[in-house]
C-alpha atoms as a PDB file:
ATOM      1  CA  UNK A   1       2.583  60.732  24.718  1.00  0.00           C
ATOM      2  CA  UNK A   2       1.135  58.314  27.252  1.00  0.00           C
ATOM      3  CA  UNK A   3      -2.446  59.123  26.299  1.00  0.00           C
ATOM      4  CA  UNK A   4      -1.934  58.033  22.697  1.00  0.00           C
ATOM      5  CA  UNK A   5      -0.579  54.684  23.839  1.00  0.00           C
ATOM      6  CA  UNK A   6      -3.561  54.174  26.087  1.00  0.00           C
ATOM      7  CA  UNK A   7      -5.934  55.131  23.285  1.00  0.00           C
ATOM      8  CA  UNK A   8      -4.138  52.795  20.854  1.00  0.00           C
ATOM      9  CA  UNK A   9      -4.604  49.980  23.344  1.00  0.00           C
ATOM     10  CA  UNK A  10      -8.274  50.922  23.708  1.00  0.00           C
ATOM     11  CA  UNK A  11      -8.801  50.918  19.925  1.00  0.00           C
ATOM     12  CA  UNK A  12      -7.206  47.503  19.589  1.00  0.00           C
ATOM     13  CA  UNK A  13      -9.028  46.076  22.603  1.00  0.00           C
ATOM     14  CA  UNK A  14     -12.383  47.398  21.411  1.00  0.00           C
ATOM     15  CA  UNK A  15     -12.279  44.952  18.516  1.00  0.00           C
ATOM     16  CA  UNK A  16     -12.855  42.086  20.917  1.00  0.00           C
ATOM     17  CA  UNK A  17     -15.517  43.514  23.213  1.00  0.00           C
ATOM     18  CA  UNK A  18     -17.703  45.770  21.069  1.00  0.00           C
ATOM     19  CA  UNK A  19     -20.000  44.912  18.202  1.00  0.00           C
ATOM     20  CA  UNK A  20     -19.050  46.408  14.827  1.00  0.00           C
ATOM     21  CA  UNK A  21     -21.838  48.973  15.271  1.00  0.00           C
ATOM     22  CA  UNK A  22     -20.442  49.990  18.655  1.00  0.00           C
ATOM     23  CA  UNK A  23     -16.927  50.189  17.232  1.00  0.00           C
ATOM     24  CA  UNK A  24     -18.127  52.508  14.467  1.00  0.00           C
ATOM     25  CA  UNK A  25     -19.864  54.739  17.019  1.00  0.00           C
ATOM     26  CA  UNK A  26     -16.771  54.883  19.244  1.00  0.00           C
ATOM     27  CA  UNK A  27     -14.491  55.662  16.318  1.00  0.00           C
ATOM     28  CA  UNK A  28     -16.780  58.459  15.107  1.00  0.00           C
ATOM     29  CA  UNK A  29     -16.860  59.930  18.623  1.00  0.00           C
ATOM     30  CA  UNK A  30     -13.064  59.790  18.781  1.00  0.00           C
ATOM     31  CA  UNK A  31     -12.666  61.443  15.372  1.00  0.00           C
ATOM     32  CA  UNK A  32     -15.171  64.162  16.327  1.00  0.00           C
ATOM     33  CA  UNK A  33     -13.310  64.826  19.590  1.00  0.00           C
ATOM     34  CA  UNK A  34      -9.967  65.065  17.798  1.00  0.00           C
ATOM     35  CA  UNK A  35     -11.493  67.436  15.242  1.00  0.00           C
ATOM     36  CA  UNK A  36     -12.722  69.707  18.065  1.00  0.00           C
ATOM     37  CA  UNK A  37      -9.297  69.835  19.698  1.00  0.00           C
ATOM     38  CA  UNK A  38      -7.760  73.295  19.627  1.00  0.00           C
ATOM     39  CA  UNK A  39      -3.948  73.408  19.659  1.00  0.00           C
ATOM     40  CA  UNK A  40      -2.513  75.238  22.661  1.00  0.00           C
ATOM     41  CA  UNK A  41       0.590  76.883  21.248  1.00  0.00           C
ATOM     42  CA  UNK A  42       1.870  77.989  24.662  1.00  0.00           C
ATOM     43  CA  UNK A  43       1.786  74.426  25.988  1.00  0.00           C
ATOM     44  CA  UNK A  44       5.079  72.597  26.292  1.00  0.00           C
ATOM     45  CA  UNK A  45       5.141  69.592  23.977  1.00  0.00           C
ATOM     46  CA  UNK A  46       2.254  70.818  21.826  1.00  0.00           C
ATOM     47  CA  UNK A  47       3.972  69.782  18.608  1.00  0.00           C
ATOM     48  CA  UNK A  48       4.216  66.191  19.842  1.00  0.00           C
ATOM     49  CA  UNK A  49       0.638  66.250  21.120  1.00  0.00           C
ATOM     50  CA  UNK A  50      -0.693  67.574  17.807  1.00  0.00           C
ATOM     51  CA  UNK A  51       1.326  64.976  15.873  1.00  0.00           C
ATOM     52  CA  UNK A  52       0.032  62.156  18.090  1.00  0.00           C
ATOM     53  CA  UNK A  53      -3.541  63.409  17.686  1.00  0.00           C
ATOM     54  CA  UNK A  54      -3.174  63.518  13.894  1.00  0.00           C
ATOM     55  CA  UNK A  55      -1.725  59.990  13.872  1.00  0.00           C
ATOM     56  CA  UNK A  56      -4.520  58.697  16.096  1.00  0.00           C
ATOM     57  CA  UNK A  57      -7.144  60.346  13.875  1.00  0.00           C
ATOM     58  CA  UNK A  58      -5.629  58.772  10.749  1.00  0.00           C
ATOM     59  CA  UNK A  59      -5.626  55.323  12.361  1.00  0.00           C
ATOM     60  CA  UNK A  60      -9.225  55.771  13.533  1.00  0.00           C
ATOM     61  CA  UNK A  61     -10.325  56.741  10.015  1.00  0.00           C
ATOM     62  CA  UNK A  62      -8.515  53.719   8.572  1.00  0.00           C
ATOM     63  CA  UNK A  63     -10.180  51.394  11.088  1.00  0.00           C
ATOM     64  CA  UNK A  64     -13.582  52.998  10.446  1.00  0.00           C
ATOM     65  CA  UNK A  65     -13.185  52.436   6.702  1.00  0.00           C
ATOM     66  CA  UNK A  66     -12.265  48.784   7.300  1.00  0.00           C
ATOM     67  CA  UNK A  67     -15.351  48.256   9.457  1.00  0.00           C
ATOM     68  CA  UNK A  68     -17.627  49.823   6.882  1.00  0.00           C
ATOM     69  CA  UNK A  69     -16.525  47.585   4.001  1.00  0.00           C
END
């Protein structure tokens, strides 16, 4: 999924430009948005999209935990 790659790049790039407080805010916004996502069963490729979203959410939570320690 191209969007996941772009988001991964954004998450990695954010480490250099944002303060830790800003990074935490961005990660929480991302996690909230992923939690609001409703799967669209009829959509082609939905299984891959849902898997990518779950992976992205897990990585965001891991990064959030690292920032908060």
